[in-house]
Amino acid sequence: MELGHHLKRARESKRMSQHEVAELLGIAQKTLSNMERGKTQPSVIQLAKMGEIYGLDVLKLLSENGIHLSPPPPPKKTYRKLRKNYNT
């Protein structure tokens, strides 16, 4: 099952409309609709807010959908510095 479908089911289980949730998230109802249909992906911040609204463990939901969060790569300057220090 896709992430959007899980989010829609969670919203419906709370008996909330797309309009209500979109207002809490500060987004357009159409944007939430697109997320639930899998046309767009929510940001990490939006996912965190949805987790609070729906009472979901967002990390568990993501991992169940094969999505694993990892830290961003280091900035290029840091990478170059590390590489230079490693090679000497």
Protein backbone atom coordinates (compact mmCIF):
# COMPACT_ATOMS: atom_id res chain seq x y z
CA MET A 1 0.00 0.00 0.00
CA GLU A 2 1.34 3.43 -0.90
CA LEU A 3 2.09 6.22 1.55
CA GLY A 4 -0.72 8.41 0.22
CA HIS A 5 -3.26 5.65 0.76
CA HIS A 6 -2.09 5.20 4.38
CA LEU A 7 -2.41 8.94 4.95
CA LYS A 8 -5.93 8.98 3.53
CA ARG A 9 -6.99 6.04 5.71
CA ALA A 10 -5.52 7.74 8.78
CA ARG A 11 -7.43 10.96 8.01
CA GLU A 12 -10.67 9.08 7.45
CA SER A 13 -10.23 7.11 10.68
CA LYS A 14 -10.12 10.46 12.52
CA ARG A 15 -13.30 11.49 10.66
CA MET A 16 -11.60 14.60 9.34
CA SER A 17 -12.14 16.24 5.97
CA GLN A 18 -9.33 17.11 3.61
CA HIS A 19 -10.24 20.75 4.13
CA GLU A 20 -9.81 20.47 7.92
CA VAL A 21 -6.44 18.74 7.69
CA ALA A 22 -5.17 21.04 4.94
CA GLU A 23 -6.04 24.03 7.10
CA LEU A 24 -4.10 22.58 10.05
CA LEU A 25 -1.13 21.92 7.76
CA GLY A 26 -1.31 25.36 6.17
CA ILE A 27 -1.66 23.95 2.65
CA ALA A 28 -4.37 23.93 -0.01
CA GLN A 29 -6.94 21.13 0.05
CA LYS A 30 -5.87 20.22 -3.50
CA THR A 31 -2.28 19.73 -2.29
CA LEU A 32 -3.45 17.28 0.38
CA SER A 33 -5.60 15.52 -2.21
CA ASN A 34 -2.55 15.13 -4.47
CA MET A 35 -0.55 13.68 -1.56
CA GLU A 36 -3.25 11.15 -0.76
CA ARG A 37 -3.47 10.12 -4.42
CA GLY A 38 0.31 9.71 -4.66
CA LYS A 39 0.72 12.53 -7.16
CA THR A 40 3.01 14.48 -4.81
CA GLN A 41 4.96 13.62 -1.68
CA PRO A 42 4.62 15.49 1.61
CA SER A 43 7.67 17.20 3.04
CA VAL A 44 9.25 15.84 6.21
CA ILE A 45 7.72 18.73 8.15
CA GLN A 46 4.27 18.01 6.69
CA LEU A 47 4.66 14.32 7.55
CA ALA A 48 5.59 15.19 11.12
CA LYS A 49 2.50 17.41 11.43
CA MET A 50 0.30 14.68 9.93
CA GLY A 51 1.74 12.24 12.45
CA GLU A 52 0.67 14.56 15.26
CA ILE A 53 -2.78 15.15 13.78
CA TYR A 54 -3.45 11.48 13.03
CA GLY A 55 -1.59 9.97 15.99
CA LEU A 56 0.76 8.07 13.67
CA ASP A 57 4.32 6.85 14.12
CA VAL A 58 5.64 8.44 10.95
CA LEU A 59 8.99 6.62 10.95
CA LYS A 60 7.19 3.27 11.19
CA LEU A 61 4.80 4.28 8.41
CA LEU A 62 7.69 5.31 6.17
CA SER A 63 9.69 2.14 6.79
CA GLU A 64 6.61 0.02 6.05
CA ASN A 65 6.49 1.77 2.66
CA GLY A 66 10.17 1.14 1.96
CA ILE A 67 11.16 4.74 2.66
CA HIS A 68 14.14 5.20 4.97
CA LEU A 69 15.35 8.59 6.06
CA SER A 70 19.08 9.19 6.09
CA PRO A 71 21.13 12.25 6.93
CA PRO A 72 22.04 14.51 4.03
CA PRO A 73 25.52 14.18 2.56
CA PRO A 74 28.14 16.52 4.00
CA PRO A 75 28.71 19.81 2.19
CA LYS A 76 31.29 19.60 -0.60
CA LYS A 77 33.83 21.66 1.34
CA THR A 78 33.64 19.25 4.27
CA TYR A 79 33.90 16.28 1.94
CA ARG A 80 36.97 17.71 0.21
CA LYS A 81 38.60 18.48 3.55
CA LEU A 82 37.93 14.97 4.83
CA ARG A 83 39.22 13.43 1.63
CA LYS A 84 42.36 15.57 1.72
CA ASN A 85 43.06 14.62 5.34
CA TYR A 86 42.42 10.95 4.61
CA ASN A 87 44.78 10.87 1.62
CA THR A 88 47.72 12.45 3.50
